[in-house]
Amino acid sequence: MAKFLEGNDLNAGLEDLFGNAKKSLILISPYIKLHQRYISVLKNQINEHDLKITIVFGKNEDDLSKSMQEDDFNFFKSFPNIEIRYEKNLHAKYYANDKSAIITSMNLYSFSQDNNIEAGILLKSSLVGFGTGDNSLDEEAWDYFKRVIQQSELLFKKEPTYESGFLGITKKYKSSTIHTDKLTDFFDEINISQPAKKQKLGNDTKKESRSKLIIKSGFCIRTRKQIVFNPTRPLCDEAYLSWEKFSNKDYPEKYCHYSGEPSNGETSFAKPILKKNWKKAKEEFKL
């Protein structure tokens, strides 16, 4: 089922989507600066360790703080089960929970919510729709944005840990552990460099070094197109769709995911990095 949303209906639809998420909440927006209304709704979910939140933002690779501000990062990292990812080419906006999704023109940005003319399409899955094709648009959208998430670079990951309950059948939430955190150091470095912001000399160098700390580029092993470095997903979108038809992880490919050099068939989806480059890639990307 699809429904057109605009104005207050769009804002209300997003608040409803955030508030009714049970197992999954996906926020894909190039720019993120949360409106107080969204913060209020999301705060009600802050202790829900079963709710997995996935955020993808983008743009401004020379200074990621222009796309997500530190206050919003500090708010998000207080959630017990969350991933924050980055995709430099992101322009689409997509928000989804367990049962519904909204594809829209609106960034998750307070100015957009208050001032811009925005619209969106609400997609809802229904039990009646399964097997009839009525949910096909929702499924196609999810398949596309799932690939966007998989190709993006992981910058922050926090997962809940559990202890076994009665006879090992039940589990009890214990705490949450941060497994990946590249954003805290990034924002700390910005704060340290703030007093020197007016000094243009050396400022661009500082930005470039920050960018290199965070944005890791690799190469598609079939087309040599530059993509996010991710050995578990070493293909660009077009190549992945072609590969997915057969899903042969050992099929010989043309290039090294780490260096982009010809591999003469020595790389594959299962082994995307040439042996001679593995040690260097392991050290550089902390594999």
C-alpha atoms as a PDB file:
ATOM      1  CA  MET A   1       0.000   0.000   0.000  1.00  0.00           C
ATOM      2  CA  ALA A   2       1.382   3.418  -0.973  1.00  0.00           C
ATOM      3  CA  LYS A   3       0.253   6.822   0.286  1.00  0.00           C
ATOM      4  CA  PHE A   4       1.392  10.305  -0.746  1.00  0.00           C
ATOM      5  CA  LEU A   5       2.533  12.563   2.120  1.00  0.00           C
ATOM      6  CA  GLU A   6       3.343  16.270   2.249  1.00  0.00           C
ATOM      7  CA  GLY A   7       3.676  19.042   4.818  1.00  0.00           C
ATOM      8  CA  ASN A   8       2.505  18.146   8.310  1.00  0.00           C
ATOM      9  CA  ASP A   9       1.405  14.687   7.175  1.00  0.00           C
ATOM     10  CA  LEU A  10       4.999  13.919   6.149  1.00  0.00           C
ATOM     11  CA  ASN A  11       6.380  15.085   9.501  1.00  0.00           C
ATOM     12  CA  ALA A  12       3.721  13.126  11.371  1.00  0.00           C
ATOM     13  CA  GLY A  13       4.395  10.062   9.226  1.00  0.00           C
ATOM     14  CA  LEU A  14       8.082  10.129  10.112  1.00  0.00           C
ATOM     15  CA  GLU A  15       7.367  10.567  13.817  1.00  0.00           C
ATOM     16  CA  ASP A  16       4.957   7.625  13.678  1.00  0.00           C
ATOM     17  CA  LEU A  17       7.549   5.507  11.834  1.00  0.00           C
ATOM     18  CA  PHE A  18      10.229   6.285  14.445  1.00  0.00           C
ATOM     19  CA  GLY A  19       7.943   5.728  17.406  1.00  0.00           C
ATOM     20  CA  ASN A  20       6.497   2.415  16.208  1.00  0.00           C
ATOM     21  CA  ALA A  21       9.797   0.732  15.322  1.00  0.00           C
ATOM     22  CA  LYS A  22      10.135  -2.556  17.218  1.00  0.00           C
ATOM     23  CA  LYS A  23      13.024  -4.536  15.736  1.00  0.00           C
ATOM     24  CA  SER A  24      14.516  -2.316  13.052  1.00  0.00           C
ATOM     25  CA  LEU A  25      14.826   1.408  12.321  1.00  0.00           C
ATOM     26  CA  ILE A  26      16.701   2.648   9.242  1.00  0.00           C
ATOM     27  CA  LEU A  27      17.542   6.318   8.723  1.00  0.00           C
ATOM     28  CA  ILE A  28      19.200   7.170   5.399  1.00  0.00           C
ATOM     29  CA  SER A  29      19.774  10.892   4.870  1.00  0.00           C
ATOM     30  CA  PRO A  30      22.730  12.849   3.412  1.00  0.00           C
ATOM     31  CA  TYR A  31      22.379  15.522   6.097  1.00  0.00           C
ATOM     32  CA  ILE A  32      21.399  14.961   9.711  1.00  0.00           C
ATOM     33  CA  LYS A  33      20.530  17.646  12.241  1.00  0.00           C
ATOM     34  CA  LEU A  34      17.656  16.395  14.342  1.00  0.00           C
ATOM     35  CA  HIS A  35      14.583  18.492  14.966  1.00  0.00           C
ATOM     36  CA  GLN A  36      13.465  18.542  18.595  1.00  0.00           C
ATOM     37  CA  ARG A  37      10.250  16.736  17.627  1.00  0.00           C
ATOM     38  CA  TYR A  38      12.241  13.793  16.272  1.00  0.00           C
ATOM     39  CA  ILE A  39      14.545  13.792  19.297  1.00  0.00           C
ATOM     40  CA  SER A  40      11.520  13.574  21.603  1.00  0.00           C
ATOM     41  CA  VAL A  41      10.103  10.590  19.706  1.00  0.00           C
ATOM     42  CA  LEU A  42      13.433   8.782  19.477  1.00  0.00           C
ATOM     43  CA  LYS A  43      14.139   9.272  23.197  1.00  0.00           C
ATOM     44  CA  ASN A  44      11.264   6.904  23.903  1.00  0.00           C
ATOM     45  CA  GLN A  45      13.293   4.179  22.147  1.00  0.00           C
ATOM     46  CA  ILE A  46      16.587   4.805  23.935  1.00  0.00           C
ATOM     47  CA  ASN A  47      16.351   1.762  26.218  1.00  0.00           C
ATOM     48  CA  GLU A  48      15.059  -0.669  23.580  1.00  0.00           C
ATOM     49  CA  HIS A  49      18.071  -2.953  23.132  1.00  0.00           C
ATOM     50  CA  ASP A  50      16.135  -5.224  20.750  1.00  0.00           C
ATOM     51  CA  LEU A  51      15.703  -2.324  18.326  1.00  0.00           C
ATOM     52  CA  LYS A  52      18.536  -2.245  15.767  1.00  0.00           C
ATOM     53  CA  ILE A  53      19.076   1.292  14.429  1.00  0.00           C
ATOM     54  CA  THR A  54      21.015   1.772  11.186  1.00  0.00           C
ATOM     55  CA  ILE A  55      21.983   5.269  10.066  1.00  0.00           C
ATOM     56  CA  VAL A  56      23.611   6.202   6.752  1.00  0.00           C
ATOM     57  CA  PHE A  57      24.643   9.794   6.024  1.00  0.00           C
ATOM     58  CA  GLY A  58      26.801  11.333   3.292  1.00  0.00           C
ATOM     59  CA  LYS A  59      28.281  14.295   1.378  1.00  0.00           C
ATOM     60  CA  ASN A  60      31.021  16.707   2.600  1.00  0.00           C
ATOM     61  CA  GLU A  61      33.823  14.153   2.638  1.00  0.00           C
ATOM     62  CA  ASP A  62      36.335  16.928   3.386  1.00  0.00           C
ATOM     63  CA  ASP A  63      34.525  17.620   6.683  1.00  0.00           C
ATOM     64  CA  LEU A  64      31.894  15.119   7.755  1.00  0.00           C
ATOM     65  CA  SER A  65      30.725  17.394  10.581  1.00  0.00           C
ATOM     66  CA  LYS A  66      28.856  19.407   7.922  1.00  0.00           C
ATOM     67  CA  SER A  67      26.694  16.345   7.270  1.00  0.00           C
ATOM     68  CA  MET A  68      26.292  15.142  10.868  1.00  0.00           C
ATOM     69  CA  GLN A  69      26.949  17.341  13.864  1.00  0.00           C
ATOM     70  CA  GLU A  70      28.562  16.189  17.090  1.00  0.00           C
ATOM     71  CA  ASP A  71      25.418  16.760  19.194  1.00  0.00           C
ATOM     72  CA  ASP A  72      23.473  14.366  17.007  1.00  0.00           C
ATOM     73  CA  PHE A  73      26.262  11.776  17.089  1.00  0.00           C
ATOM     74  CA  ASN A  74      26.393  11.973  20.900  1.00  0.00           C
ATOM     75  CA  PHE A  75      22.624  11.478  21.003  1.00  0.00           C
ATOM     76  CA  PHE A  76      22.730   8.477  18.663  1.00  0.00           C
ATOM     77  CA  LYS A  77      25.621   6.746  20.383  1.00  0.00           C
ATOM     78  CA  SER A  78      23.615   6.588  23.617  1.00  0.00           C
ATOM     79  CA  PHE A  79      21.362   3.967  21.997  1.00  0.00           C
ATOM     80  CA  PRO A  80      22.227   0.353  22.896  1.00  0.00           C
ATOM     81  CA  ASN A  81      22.026  -1.213  19.401  1.00  0.00           C
ATOM     82  CA  ILE A  82      23.141   1.060  16.585  1.00  0.00           C
ATOM     83  CA  GLU A  83      25.308   1.402  13.467  1.00  0.00           C
ATOM     84  CA  ILE A  84      26.310   4.700  11.867  1.00  0.00           C
ATOM     85  CA  ARG A  85      27.607   4.526   8.293  1.00  0.00           C
ATOM     86  CA  TYR A  86      28.892   6.898   5.613  1.00  0.00           C
ATOM     87  CA  GLU A  87      28.339   6.976   1.830  1.00  0.00           C
ATOM     88  CA  LYS A  88      29.961   9.909   0.024  1.00  0.00           C
ATOM     89  CA  ASN A  89      27.621   9.698  -3.010  1.00  0.00           C
ATOM     90  CA  LEU A  90      24.401   9.556  -0.992  1.00  0.00           C
ATOM     91  CA  HIS A  91      21.587  11.801  -2.155  1.00  0.00           C
ATOM     92  CA  ALA A  92      18.491   9.633  -1.542  1.00  0.00           C
ATOM     93  CA  LYS A  93      16.416   9.814   1.642  1.00  0.00           C
ATOM     94  CA  TYR A  94      14.801   6.660   3.022  1.00  0.00           C
ATOM     95  CA  TYR A  95      13.351   5.924   6.449  1.00  0.00           C
ATOM     96  CA  ALA A  96      11.969   2.528   7.470  1.00  0.00           C
ATOM     97  CA  ASN A  97      10.900   0.389  10.399  1.00  0.00           C
ATOM     98  CA  ASP A  98       9.647  -3.201  10.635  1.00  0.00           C
ATOM     99  CA  LYS A  99       6.413  -2.604   8.731  1.00  0.00           C
ATOM    100  CA  SER A 100       6.629   0.657   6.801  1.00  0.00           C
ATOM    101  CA  ALA A 101       8.990   2.931   4.890  1.00  0.00           C
ATOM    102  CA  ILE A 102       9.011   6.488   3.592  1.00  0.00           C
ATOM    103  CA  ILE A 103      10.904   7.537   0.464  1.00  0.00           C
ATOM    104  CA  THR A 104      11.082  11.318   0.483  1.00  0.00           C
ATOM    105  CA  SER A 105      12.841  14.473  -0.650  1.00  0.00           C
ATOM    106  CA  MET A 106      13.368  15.553   2.973  1.00  0.00           C
ATOM    107  CA  ASN A 107      16.663  15.254   4.806  1.00  0.00           C
ATOM    108  CA  LEU A 108      16.622  14.422   8.498  1.00  0.00           C
ATOM    109  CA  TYR A 109      17.409  18.090   9.032  1.00  0.00           C
ATOM    110  CA  SER A 110      15.490  20.558  11.177  1.00  0.00           C
ATOM    111  CA  PHE A 111      15.628  23.361   8.573  1.00  0.00           C
ATOM    112  CA  SER A 112      14.097  21.062   5.952  1.00  0.00           C
ATOM    113  CA  GLN A 113      11.284  20.113   8.283  1.00  0.00           C
ATOM    114  CA  ASP A 114      10.410  23.715   9.157  1.00  0.00           C
ATOM    115  CA  ASN A 115      11.013  25.587   5.893  1.00  0.00           C
ATOM    116  CA  ASN A 116      11.203  23.457   2.740  1.00  0.00           C
ATOM    117  CA  ILE A 117       8.452  22.223   0.461  1.00  0.00           C
ATOM    118  CA  GLU A 118       8.878  18.466   0.867  1.00  0.00           C
ATOM    119  CA  ALA A 119       6.938  15.360  -0.103  1.00  0.00           C
ATOM    120  CA  GLY A 120       7.216  11.612   0.264  1.00  0.00           C
ATOM    121  CA  ILE A 121       5.641   8.224  -0.378  1.00  0.00           C
ATOM    122  CA  LEU A 122       4.635   6.007   2.544  1.00  0.00           C
ATOM    123  CA  LEU A 123       4.976   2.293   1.794  1.00  0.00           C
ATOM    124  CA  LYS A 124       3.344  -0.265   4.064  1.00  0.00           C
ATOM    125  CA  SER A 125       3.641  -4.034   3.900  1.00  0.00           C
ATOM    126  CA  SER A 126       0.556  -6.079   4.604  1.00  0.00           C
ATOM    127  CA  LEU A 127      -0.016  -9.785   5.163  1.00  0.00           C
ATOM    128  CA  VAL A 128      -2.610  -9.660   2.386  1.00  0.00           C
ATOM    129  CA  GLY A 129       0.016  -8.309   0.010  1.00  0.00           C
ATOM    130  CA  PHE A 130       2.439 -11.213   0.322  1.00  0.00           C
ATOM    131  CA  GLY A 131       2.283 -13.406  -2.777  1.00  0.00           C
ATOM    132  CA  THR A 132      -0.026 -11.003  -4.627  1.00  0.00           C
ATOM    133  CA  GLY A 133       2.572  -8.426  -5.733  1.00  0.00           C
ATOM    134  CA  ASP A 134       0.992  -5.623  -3.698  1.00  0.00           C
ATOM    135  CA  ASN A 135       4.156  -5.324  -1.621  1.00  0.00           C
ATOM    136  CA  SER A 136       6.540  -5.388  -4.599  1.00  0.00           C
ATOM    137  CA  LEU A 137       7.365  -1.655  -4.480  1.00  0.00           C
ATOM    138  CA  ASP A 138       8.248  -1.861  -0.795  1.00  0.00           C
ATOM    139  CA  GLU A 139      10.407  -4.942  -1.413  1.00  0.00           C
ATOM    140  CA  GLU A 140      12.209  -3.362  -4.393  1.00  0.00           C
ATOM    141  CA  ALA A 141      12.952  -0.236  -2.348  1.00  0.00           C
ATOM    142  CA  TRP A 142      14.276  -2.304   0.552  1.00  0.00           C
ATOM    143  CA  ASP A 143      16.496  -4.409  -1.738  1.00  0.00           C
ATOM    144  CA  TYR A 144      17.994  -1.237  -3.210  1.00  0.00           C
ATOM    145  CA  PHE A 145      18.655   0.497   0.109  1.00  0.00           C
ATOM    146  CA  LYS A 146      19.998  -2.718   1.626  1.00  0.00           C
ATOM    147  CA  ARG A 147      22.744  -2.533  -1.016  1.00  0.00           C
ATOM    148  CA  VAL A 148      23.345   1.126  -0.150  1.00  0.00           C
ATOM    149  CA  ILE A 149      23.844   0.121   3.486  1.00  0.00           C
ATOM    150  CA  GLN A 150      26.144  -2.781   2.583  1.00  0.00           C
ATOM    151  CA  GLN A 151      28.345  -0.563   0.399  1.00  0.00           C
ATOM    152  CA  SER A 152      28.624   2.249   2.929  1.00  0.00           C
ATOM    153  CA  GLU A 153      31.534   2.550   5.353  1.00  0.00           C
ATOM    154  CA  LEU A 154      30.963   1.604   8.983  1.00  0.00           C
ATOM    155  CA  LEU A 155      32.017   4.426  11.318  1.00  0.00           C
ATOM    156  CA  PHE A 156      30.310   3.464  14.572  1.00  0.00           C
ATOM    157  CA  LYS A 157      28.860   0.200  15.871  1.00  0.00           C
ATOM    158  CA  LYS A 158      27.416  -0.588  19.274  1.00  0.00           C
ATOM    159  CA  GLU A 159      25.819  -3.934  20.076  1.00  0.00           C
ATOM    160  CA  PRO A 160      23.984  -5.336  23.093  1.00  0.00           C
ATOM    161  CA  THR A 161      25.423  -8.240  25.072  1.00  0.00           C
ATOM    162  CA  TYR A 162      23.300 -10.771  26.895  1.00  0.00           C
ATOM    163  CA  GLU A 163      23.640 -13.355  29.635  1.00  0.00           C
ATOM    164  CA  SER A 164      21.787 -16.665  29.619  1.00  0.00           C
ATOM    165  CA  GLY A 165      18.655 -16.912  31.677  1.00  0.00           C
ATOM    166  CA  PHE A 166      16.700 -19.921  32.878  1.00  0.00           C
ATOM    167  CA  LEU A 167      18.200 -23.179  31.463  1.00  0.00           C
ATOM    168  CA  GLY A 168      19.768 -21.144  28.679  1.00  0.00           C
ATOM    169  CA  ILE A 169      16.374 -20.745  27.052  1.00  0.00           C
ATOM    170  CA  THR A 170      15.933 -17.071  27.846  1.00  0.00           C
ATOM    171  CA  LYS A 171      18.427 -14.247  27.629  1.00  0.00           C
ATOM    172  CA  LYS A 172      18.834 -11.156  29.765  1.00  0.00           C
ATOM    173  CA  TYR A 173      20.228  -7.859  28.512  1.00  0.00           C
ATOM    174  CA  LYS A 174      23.508  -7.102  30.259  1.00  0.00           C
ATOM    175  CA  SER A 175      25.054  -4.041  28.591  1.00  0.00           C
ATOM    176  CA  SER A 176      26.145  -2.730  25.216  1.00  0.00           C
ATOM    177  CA  THR A 177      29.642  -2.808  23.745  1.00  0.00           C
ATOM    178  CA  ILE A 178      31.137  -0.415  21.206  1.00  0.00           C
ATOM    179  CA  HIS A 179      32.950  -2.448  18.539  1.00  0.00           C
ATOM    180  CA  THR A 180      33.780   0.355  16.086  1.00  0.00           C
ATOM    181  CA  ASP A 181      34.144   4.080  16.744  1.00  0.00           C
ATOM    182  CA  LYS A 182      35.842   6.371  14.262  1.00  0.00           C
ATOM    183  CA  LEU A 183      33.570   9.345  14.896  1.00  0.00           C
ATOM    184  CA  THR A 184      34.580  10.161  18.475  1.00  0.00           C
ATOM    185  CA  ASP A 185      38.212  10.750  17.465  1.00  0.00           C
ATOM    186  CA  PHE A 186      37.036  12.697  14.419  1.00  0.00           C
ATOM    187  CA  PHE A 187      34.964  15.134  16.484  1.00  0.00           C
ATOM    188  CA  ASP A 188      37.675  15.350  19.166  1.00  0.00           C
ATOM    189  CA  GLU A 189      40.156  16.397  16.494  1.00  0.00           C
ATOM    190  CA  ILE A 190      37.770  19.054  15.211  1.00  0.00           C
ATOM    191  CA  ASN A 191      37.345  20.456  18.734  1.00  0.00           C
ATOM    192  CA  ILE A 192      41.105  20.630  19.228  1.00  0.00           C
ATOM    193  CA  SER A 193      41.593  22.444  15.917  1.00  0.00           C
ATOM    194  CA  GLN A 194      38.751  24.964  16.457  1.00  0.00           C
ATOM    195  CA  PRO A 195      40.981  27.805  17.769  1.00  0.00           C
ATOM    196  CA  ALA A 196      43.031  27.668  14.585  1.00  0.00           C
ATOM    197  CA  LYS A 197      40.000  27.710  12.327  1.00  0.00           C
ATOM    198  CA  LYS A 198      40.665  31.237  11.042  1.00  0.00           C
ATOM    199  CA  GLN A 199      44.195  30.367   9.972  1.00  0.00           C
ATOM    200  CA  LYS A 200      43.805  29.235   6.372  1.00  0.00           C
ATOM    201  CA  LEU A 201      47.353  27.977   6.016  1.00  0.00           C
ATOM    202  CA  GLY A 202      47.438  24.370   7.066  1.00  0.00           C
ATOM    203  CA  ASN A 203      43.676  24.164   7.542  1.00  0.00           C
ATOM    204  CA  ASP A 204      43.082  22.358   4.254  1.00  0.00           C
ATOM    205  CA  THR A 205      45.837  19.895   5.134  1.00  0.00           C
ATOM    206  CA  LYS A 206      44.098  19.221   8.433  1.00  0.00           C
ATOM    207  CA  LYS A 207      40.811  18.563   6.666  1.00  0.00           C
ATOM    208  CA  GLU A 208      42.467  16.240   4.193  1.00  0.00           C
ATOM    209  CA  SER A 209      44.108  14.204   6.948  1.00  0.00           C
ATOM    210  CA  ARG A 210      40.776  13.857   8.755  1.00  0.00           C
ATOM    211  CA  SER A 211      39.142  12.703   5.558  1.00  0.00           C
ATOM    212  CA  LYS A 212      41.769  10.039   4.986  1.00  0.00           C
ATOM    213  CA  LEU A 213      41.324   8.752   8.500  1.00  0.00           C
ATOM    214  CA  ILE A 214      37.697   8.057   7.828  1.00  0.00           C
ATOM    215  CA  ILE A 215      37.025   7.514   4.138  1.00  0.00           C
ATOM    216  CA  LYS A 216      38.527   4.264   2.938  1.00  0.00           C
ATOM    217  CA  SER A 217      38.465   3.741  -0.817  1.00  0.00           C
ATOM    218  CA  GLY A 218      38.805   0.446  -2.585  1.00  0.00           C
ATOM    219  CA  PHE A 219      38.173  -0.832  -6.104  1.00  0.00           C
ATOM    220  CA  CYS A 220      35.485  -2.948  -7.684  1.00  0.00           C
ATOM    221  CA  ILE A 221      37.143  -6.271  -8.528  1.00  0.00           C
ATOM    222  CA  ARG A 222      35.225  -6.488 -11.823  1.00  0.00           C
ATOM    223  CA  THR A 223      35.150  -2.916 -13.190  1.00  0.00           C
ATOM    224  CA  ARG A 224      37.957  -1.175 -11.217  1.00  0.00           C
ATOM    225  CA  LYS A 225      35.438   1.530 -10.251  1.00  0.00           C
ATOM    226  CA  GLN A 226      36.414   3.278  -7.012  1.00  0.00           C
ATOM    227  CA  ILE A 227      34.106   2.222  -4.155  1.00  0.00           C
ATOM    228  CA  VAL A 228      34.169   2.051  -0.360  1.00  0.00           C
ATOM    229  CA  PHE A 229      36.801  -0.432   0.841  1.00  0.00           C
ATOM    230  CA  ASN A 230      34.845  -3.440   2.077  1.00  0.00           C
ATOM    231  CA  PRO A 231      36.298  -6.932   1.499  1.00  0.00           C
ATOM    232  CA  THR A 232      32.886  -8.463   2.220  1.00  0.00           C
ATOM    233  CA  ARG A 233      31.342  -6.400  -0.599  1.00  0.00           C
ATOM    234  CA  PRO A 234      34.115  -5.776  -3.192  1.00  0.00           C
ATOM    235  CA  LEU A 235      31.788  -5.045  -6.132  1.00  0.00           C
ATOM    236  CA  CYS A 236      30.107  -1.852  -7.302  1.00  0.00           C
ATOM    237  CA  ASP A 237      26.299  -1.883  -7.619  1.00  0.00           C
ATOM    238  CA  GLU A 238      26.228  -2.773 -11.323  1.00  0.00           C
ATOM    239  CA  ALA A 239      28.796  -5.552 -10.974  1.00  0.00           C
ATOM    240  CA  TYR A 240      27.082  -6.926  -7.871  1.00  0.00           C
ATOM    241  CA  LEU A 241      23.753  -7.254  -9.701  1.00  0.00           C
ATOM    242  CA  SER A 242      25.521  -9.213 -12.441  1.00  0.00           C
ATOM    243  CA  TRP A 243      27.426 -11.378  -9.918  1.00  0.00           C
ATOM    244  CA  GLU A 244      24.275 -12.009  -7.860  1.00  0.00           C
ATOM    245  CA  LYS A 245      22.632 -13.978 -10.709  1.00  0.00           C
ATOM    246  CA  PHE A 246      25.008 -16.880 -10.043  1.00  0.00           C
ATOM    247  CA  SER A 247      26.551 -15.852  -6.683  1.00  0.00           C
ATOM    248  CA  ASN A 248      29.752 -17.781  -7.390  1.00  0.00           C
ATOM    249  CA  LYS A 249      32.159 -16.529  -4.711  1.00  0.00           C
ATOM    250  CA  ASP A 250      35.123 -18.222  -6.424  1.00  0.00           C
ATOM    251  CA  TYR A 251      34.521 -16.783  -9.899  1.00  0.00           C
ATOM    252  CA  PRO A 252      37.840 -15.225 -11.131  1.00  0.00           C
ATOM    253  CA  GLU A 253      37.743 -11.421 -11.228  1.00  0.00           C
ATOM    254  CA  LYS A 254      39.912  -8.791 -12.919  1.00  0.00           C
ATOM    255  CA  TYR A 255      41.252  -6.459 -10.220  1.00  0.00           C
ATOM    256  CA  CYS A 256      42.535  -6.251  -6.657  1.00  0.00           C
ATOM    257  CA  HIS A 257      40.049  -4.623  -4.270  1.00  0.00           C
ATOM    258  CA  TYR A 258      42.885  -3.002  -2.298  1.00  0.00           C
ATOM    259  CA  SER A 259      45.170  -1.640  -5.049  1.00  0.00           C
ATOM    260  CA  GLY A 260      43.030  -1.680  -8.186  1.00  0.00           C
ATOM    261  CA  GLU A 261      45.813  -3.389 -10.135  1.00  0.00           C
ATOM    262  CA  PRO A 262      45.004  -6.227 -12.593  1.00  0.00           C
ATOM    263  CA  SER A 263      44.768  -9.546 -10.776  1.00  0.00           C
ATOM    264  CA  ASN A 264      44.734 -11.844 -13.830  1.00  0.00           C
ATOM    265  CA  GLY A 265      41.970 -13.927 -12.302  1.00  0.00           C
ATOM    266  CA  GLU A 266      43.675 -14.341  -8.919  1.00  0.00           C
ATOM    267  CA  THR A 267      40.957 -12.408  -7.090  1.00  0.00           C
ATOM    268  CA  SER A 268      37.332 -13.367  -6.485  1.00  0.00           C
ATOM    269  CA  PHE A 269      34.393 -12.344  -4.310  1.00  0.00           C
ATOM    270  CA  ALA A 270      35.709 -14.715  -1.640  1.00  0.00           C
ATOM    271  CA  LYS A 271      39.320 -13.472  -1.979  1.00  0.00           C
ATOM    272  CA  PRO A 272      39.158  -9.905  -3.322  1.00  0.00           C
ATOM    273  CA  ILE A 273      42.703  -8.874  -2.327  1.00  0.00           C
ATOM    274  CA  LEU A 274      45.871 -10.148  -3.989  1.00  0.00           C
ATOM    275  CA  LYS A 275      48.071 -12.202  -1.665  1.00  0.00           C
ATOM    276  CA  LYS A 276      50.990  -9.801  -2.062  1.00  0.00           C
ATOM    277  CA  ASN A 277      48.761  -6.912  -0.871  1.00  0.00           C
ATOM    278  CA  TRP A 278      47.018  -8.695   1.990  1.00  0.00           C
ATOM    279  CA  LYS A 279      49.514  -7.804   4.722  1.00  0.00           C
ATOM    280  CA  LYS A 280      49.551  -4.137   3.728  1.00  0.00           C
ATOM    281  CA  ALA A 281      45.736  -4.000   3.528  1.00  0.00           C
ATOM    282  CA  LYS A 282      45.433  -5.741   6.889  1.00  0.00           C
ATOM    283  CA  GLU A 283      47.692  -3.183   8.568  1.00  0.00           C
ATOM    284  CA  GLU A 284      46.168  -0.138   6.875  1.00  0.00           C
ATOM    285  CA  PHE A 285      42.526  -1.068   7.389  1.00  0.00           C
ATOM    286  CA  LYS A 286      42.975  -3.037  10.625  1.00  0.00           C
ATOM    287  CA  LEU A 287      41.362  -6.166   9.196  1.00  0.00           C
END
